[in-house]
Amino acid sequence: MASKKPKTKTAAAKPAGRKTPAAKSVAAGLPPPAPGAAAAAKAKFVEGLVSRGEAVPAGQPLPAGATHEIVGKGADGAPVLKRKRFSMK
């Protein structure tokens, strides 16, 4: 006797023009940031780079571990940074 092939199920056809909804991002579920929160986070980031020695004045060679150059000062007196490379640690 010859063996028969088992029947395979065929996928049900999807209705034309209907797409599955895209998954919501995690950020879409978060509350909006408080006013001034982005500016405070930026100031803390810049302060941290300078205090750790990861930012040096423009024109100086970058030592190991430095990733940013201080290219000027902003209107509020905060340093303006430019990324020069990724960490060489």
N, C-alpha and C. Protein backbone atom coordinates (compact mmCIF):
# COMPACT_ATOMS: atom_id res chain seq x y z
N MET A 1 0.81 -1.18 0.00
CA MET A 1 0.00 0.00 0.00
C MET A 1 0.86 1.25 0.00
N ALA A 2 0.50 2.18 -0.79
CA ALA A 2 1.23 3.44 -0.85
C ALA A 2 0.75 4.36 0.27
N SER A 3 1.70 5.04 0.88
CA SER A 3 1.32 5.94 1.97
C SER A 3 0.82 7.24 1.39
N LYS A 4 -0.20 7.75 2.03
CA LYS A 4 -0.78 9.01 1.57
C LYS A 4 -0.12 10.17 2.31
N LYS A 5 0.01 11.27 1.64
CA LYS A 5 0.54 12.46 2.27
C LYS A 5 -0.54 13.06 3.17
N PRO A 6 -0.15 13.51 4.34
CA PRO A 6 -1.17 14.14 5.19
C PRO A 6 -1.60 15.48 4.59
N LYS A 7 -2.85 15.79 4.80
CA LYS A 7 -3.36 17.05 4.28
C LYS A 7 -2.77 18.20 5.09
N THR A 8 -2.39 19.25 4.41
CA THR A 8 -1.88 20.43 5.11
C THR A 8 -2.98 21.48 5.14
N LYS A 9 -2.99 22.20 6.21
CA LYS A 9 -4.00 23.25 6.34
C LYS A 9 -3.52 24.46 5.54
N THR A 10 -4.42 25.08 4.86
CA THR A 10 -4.08 26.29 4.13
C THR A 10 -4.44 27.48 4.99
N ALA A 11 -3.65 28.52 4.87
CA ALA A 11 -3.90 29.73 5.65
C ALA A 11 -5.14 30.42 5.13
N ALA A 12 -5.95 30.93 6.02
CA ALA A 12 -7.15 31.65 5.61
C ALA A 12 -6.73 32.95 4.96
N ALA A 13 -7.39 33.28 3.90
CA ALA A 13 -7.07 34.51 3.17
C ALA A 13 -7.50 35.71 4.00
N LYS A 14 -6.64 36.71 4.06
CA LYS A 14 -6.97 37.94 4.78
C LYS A 14 -7.79 38.83 3.87
N PRO A 15 -8.71 39.58 4.43
CA PRO A 15 -9.48 40.49 3.59
C PRO A 15 -8.55 41.52 2.95
N ALA A 16 -8.83 41.87 1.72
CA ALA A 16 -7.99 42.81 0.97
C ALA A 16 -8.03 44.20 1.62
N GLY A 17 -6.87 44.85 1.66
CA GLY A 17 -6.79 46.22 2.16
C GLY A 17 -6.79 46.34 3.66
N ARG A 18 -6.77 45.26 4.37
CA ARG A 18 -6.80 45.32 5.83
C ARG A 18 -5.41 44.97 6.37
N LYS A 19 -4.83 45.84 7.15
CA LYS A 19 -3.51 45.61 7.72
C LYS A 19 -3.63 45.45 9.22
N THR A 20 -2.68 44.74 9.78
CA THR A 20 -2.68 44.60 11.23
C THR A 20 -2.20 45.91 11.84
N PRO A 21 -2.77 46.33 12.97
CA PRO A 21 -2.35 47.60 13.57
C PRO A 21 -0.92 47.51 14.09
N ALA A 22 -0.20 48.60 13.95
CA ALA A 22 1.18 48.66 14.44
C ALA A 22 1.17 48.68 15.97
N ALA A 23 2.17 48.05 16.55
CA ALA A 23 2.28 48.03 18.01
C ALA A 23 2.62 49.43 18.52
N LYS A 24 2.06 49.81 19.65
CA LYS A 24 2.36 51.12 20.24
C LYS A 24 3.76 51.09 20.84
N SER A 25 4.46 52.18 20.71
CA SER A 25 5.78 52.27 21.32
C SER A 25 5.63 52.52 22.82
N VAL A 26 6.69 52.23 23.54
CA VAL A 26 6.69 52.46 24.99
C VAL A 26 6.57 53.96 25.27
N ALA A 27 7.25 54.77 24.45
CA ALA A 27 7.24 56.22 24.66
C ALA A 27 5.83 56.80 24.52
N ALA A 28 4.99 56.16 23.70
CA ALA A 28 3.63 56.66 23.51
C ALA A 28 2.81 56.55 24.79
N GLY A 29 3.18 55.63 25.67
CA GLY A 29 2.45 55.44 26.90
C GLY A 29 2.95 56.29 28.06
N LEU A 30 4.03 57.00 27.87
CA LEU A 30 4.58 57.83 28.95
C LEU A 30 3.92 59.20 28.97
N PRO A 31 3.84 59.81 30.14
CA PRO A 31 3.28 61.16 30.20
C PRO A 31 4.26 62.15 29.55
N PRO A 32 3.76 63.26 29.05
CA PRO A 32 4.66 64.25 28.45
C PRO A 32 5.60 64.84 29.50
N PRO A 33 6.82 65.21 29.10
CA PRO A 33 7.77 65.77 30.08
C PRO A 33 7.30 67.12 30.60
N ALA A 34 7.69 67.43 31.80
CA ALA A 34 7.33 68.72 32.41
C ALA A 34 8.05 69.84 31.68
N PRO A 35 7.47 71.03 31.66
CA PRO A 35 8.14 72.15 31.00
C PRO A 35 9.49 72.42 31.65
N GLY A 36 10.51 72.57 30.85
CA GLY A 36 11.85 72.84 31.37
C GLY A 36 12.64 71.59 31.72
N ALA A 37 12.02 70.41 31.65
CA ALA A 37 12.71 69.18 32.02
C ALA A 37 13.82 68.85 31.02
N ALA A 38 13.59 69.10 29.75
CA ALA A 38 14.60 68.82 28.73
C ALA A 38 15.81 69.74 28.91
N ALA A 39 15.57 71.00 29.21
CA ALA A 39 16.67 71.95 29.42
C ALA A 39 17.47 71.57 30.66
N ALA A 40 16.79 71.13 31.71
CA ALA A 40 17.48 70.72 32.94
C ALA A 40 18.32 69.47 32.70
N ALA A 41 17.80 68.53 31.92
CA ALA A 41 18.54 67.31 31.62
C ALA A 41 19.77 67.62 30.77
N LYS A 42 19.64 68.54 29.83
CA LYS A 42 20.77 68.93 28.98
C LYS A 42 21.86 69.59 29.82
N ALA A 43 21.46 70.49 30.73
CA ALA A 43 22.43 71.18 31.59
C ALA A 43 23.17 70.18 32.48
N LYS A 44 22.45 69.21 33.00
CA LYS A 44 23.09 68.20 33.86
C LYS A 44 24.05 67.34 33.06
N PHE A 45 23.69 67.00 31.82
CA PHE A 45 24.56 66.21 30.95
C PHE A 45 25.86 66.96 30.65
N VAL A 46 25.75 68.23 30.28
CA VAL A 46 26.93 69.05 29.97
C VAL A 46 27.80 69.20 31.21
N GLU A 47 27.19 69.47 32.35
CA GLU A 47 27.94 69.62 33.60
C GLU A 47 28.70 68.33 33.94
N GLY A 48 28.07 67.19 33.72
CA GLY A 48 28.71 65.92 33.99
C GLY A 48 29.90 65.66 33.08
N LEU A 49 29.76 65.98 31.79
CA LEU A 49 30.87 65.79 30.85
C LEU A 49 32.08 66.63 31.24
N VAL A 50 31.83 67.88 31.60
CA VAL A 50 32.93 68.78 31.97
C VAL A 50 33.57 68.33 33.28
N SER A 51 32.77 67.96 34.26
CA SER A 51 33.33 67.58 35.56
C SER A 51 34.13 66.28 35.49
N ARG A 52 33.76 65.36 34.60
CA ARG A 52 34.49 64.10 34.45
C ARG A 52 35.70 64.23 33.53
N GLY A 53 35.89 65.38 32.91
CA GLY A 53 37.03 65.58 32.02
C GLY A 53 36.82 64.99 30.64
N GLU A 54 35.56 64.76 30.28
CA GLU A 54 35.26 64.21 28.96
C GLU A 54 35.08 65.31 27.92
N ALA A 55 35.19 66.56 28.33
CA ALA A 55 35.11 67.70 27.42
C ALA A 55 36.31 68.60 27.66
N VAL A 56 36.99 68.97 26.57
CA VAL A 56 38.17 69.84 26.67
C VAL A 56 37.97 71.06 25.77
N PRO A 57 38.65 72.17 26.07
CA PRO A 57 38.52 73.36 25.21
C PRO A 57 38.98 73.07 23.78
N ALA A 58 38.37 73.75 22.83
CA ALA A 58 38.70 73.58 21.42
C ALA A 58 40.16 73.94 21.17
N GLY A 59 40.79 73.21 20.27
CA GLY A 59 42.18 73.47 19.91
C GLY A 59 43.16 72.59 20.67
N GLN A 60 42.74 72.01 21.76
CA GLN A 60 43.63 71.12 22.51
C GLN A 60 43.43 69.69 22.01
N PRO A 61 44.51 68.90 22.03
CA PRO A 61 44.33 67.50 21.64
C PRO A 61 43.46 66.77 22.67
N LEU A 62 42.63 65.87 22.18
CA LEU A 62 41.75 65.14 23.09
C LEU A 62 42.52 64.05 23.81
N PRO A 63 42.56 64.09 25.13
CA PRO A 63 43.21 63.00 25.87
C PRO A 63 42.32 61.76 25.84
N ALA A 64 42.89 60.63 26.24
CA ALA A 64 42.10 59.40 26.30
C ALA A 64 40.93 59.62 27.25
N GLY A 65 39.76 59.20 26.85
CA GLY A 65 38.57 59.36 27.67
C GLY A 65 37.77 60.59 27.33
N ALA A 66 38.36 61.58 26.66
CA ALA A 66 37.62 62.78 26.28
C ALA A 66 36.88 62.51 24.98
N THR A 67 35.64 62.95 24.91
CA THR A 67 34.82 62.69 23.74
C THR A 67 34.26 63.97 23.11
N HIS A 68 34.27 65.06 23.84
CA HIS A 68 33.67 66.31 23.37
C HIS A 68 34.66 67.46 23.44
N GLU A 69 34.40 68.46 22.59
CA GLU A 69 35.19 69.69 22.57
C GLU A 69 34.28 70.84 22.97
N ILE A 70 34.78 71.74 23.79
CA ILE A 70 34.02 72.93 24.17
C ILE A 70 34.31 73.98 23.10
N VAL A 71 33.29 74.29 22.28
CA VAL A 71 33.50 75.18 21.15
C VAL A 71 33.05 76.61 21.42
N GLY A 72 32.45 76.88 22.57
CA GLY A 72 32.01 78.22 22.89
C GLY A 72 31.14 78.23 24.13
N LYS A 73 30.46 79.35 24.32
CA LYS A 73 29.53 79.50 25.45
C LYS A 73 28.18 79.92 24.90
N GLY A 74 27.12 79.39 25.50
CA GLY A 74 25.77 79.75 25.12
C GLY A 74 25.36 81.08 25.70
N ALA A 75 24.14 81.50 25.37
CA ALA A 75 23.62 82.78 25.88
C ALA A 75 23.52 82.77 27.40
N ASP A 76 23.29 81.58 27.97
CA ASP A 76 23.17 81.48 29.43
C ASP A 76 24.51 81.23 30.12
N GLY A 77 25.60 81.17 29.35
CA GLY A 77 26.93 80.97 29.92
C GLY A 77 27.35 79.51 29.98
N ALA A 78 26.46 78.61 29.60
CA ALA A 78 26.79 77.18 29.62
C ALA A 78 27.69 76.84 28.43
N PRO A 79 28.61 75.90 28.59
CA PRO A 79 29.47 75.53 27.48
C PRO A 79 28.69 74.89 26.34
N VAL A 80 29.11 75.20 25.12
CA VAL A 80 28.54 74.58 23.92
C VAL A 80 29.51 73.48 23.51
N LEU A 81 29.01 72.24 23.42
CA LEU A 81 29.87 71.10 23.15
C LEU A 81 29.65 70.56 21.75
N LYS A 82 30.72 69.97 21.20
CA LYS A 82 30.63 69.28 19.92
C LYS A 82 31.29 67.92 20.10
N ARG A 83 30.58 66.88 19.70
CA ARG A 83 31.13 65.52 19.84
C ARG A 83 32.22 65.31 18.81
N LYS A 84 33.36 64.80 19.26
CA LYS A 84 34.50 64.57 18.37
C LYS A 84 34.73 63.10 18.09
N ARG A 85 34.45 62.25 19.05
CA ARG A 85 34.65 60.81 18.87
C ARG A 85 33.93 60.05 19.98
N PHE A 86 33.93 58.73 19.83
CA PHE A 86 33.39 57.88 20.87
C PHE A 86 34.53 57.57 21.85
N SER A 87 34.21 57.04 22.99
CA SER A 87 35.18 56.79 24.04
C SER A 87 36.27 55.84 23.56
N MET A 88 37.52 56.09 23.99
CA MET A 88 38.64 55.23 23.61
C MET A 88 39.08 54.37 24.78
N LYS A 89 38.22 54.15 25.75
CA LYS A 89 38.57 53.37 26.94
C LYS A 89 38.82 51.94 26.62
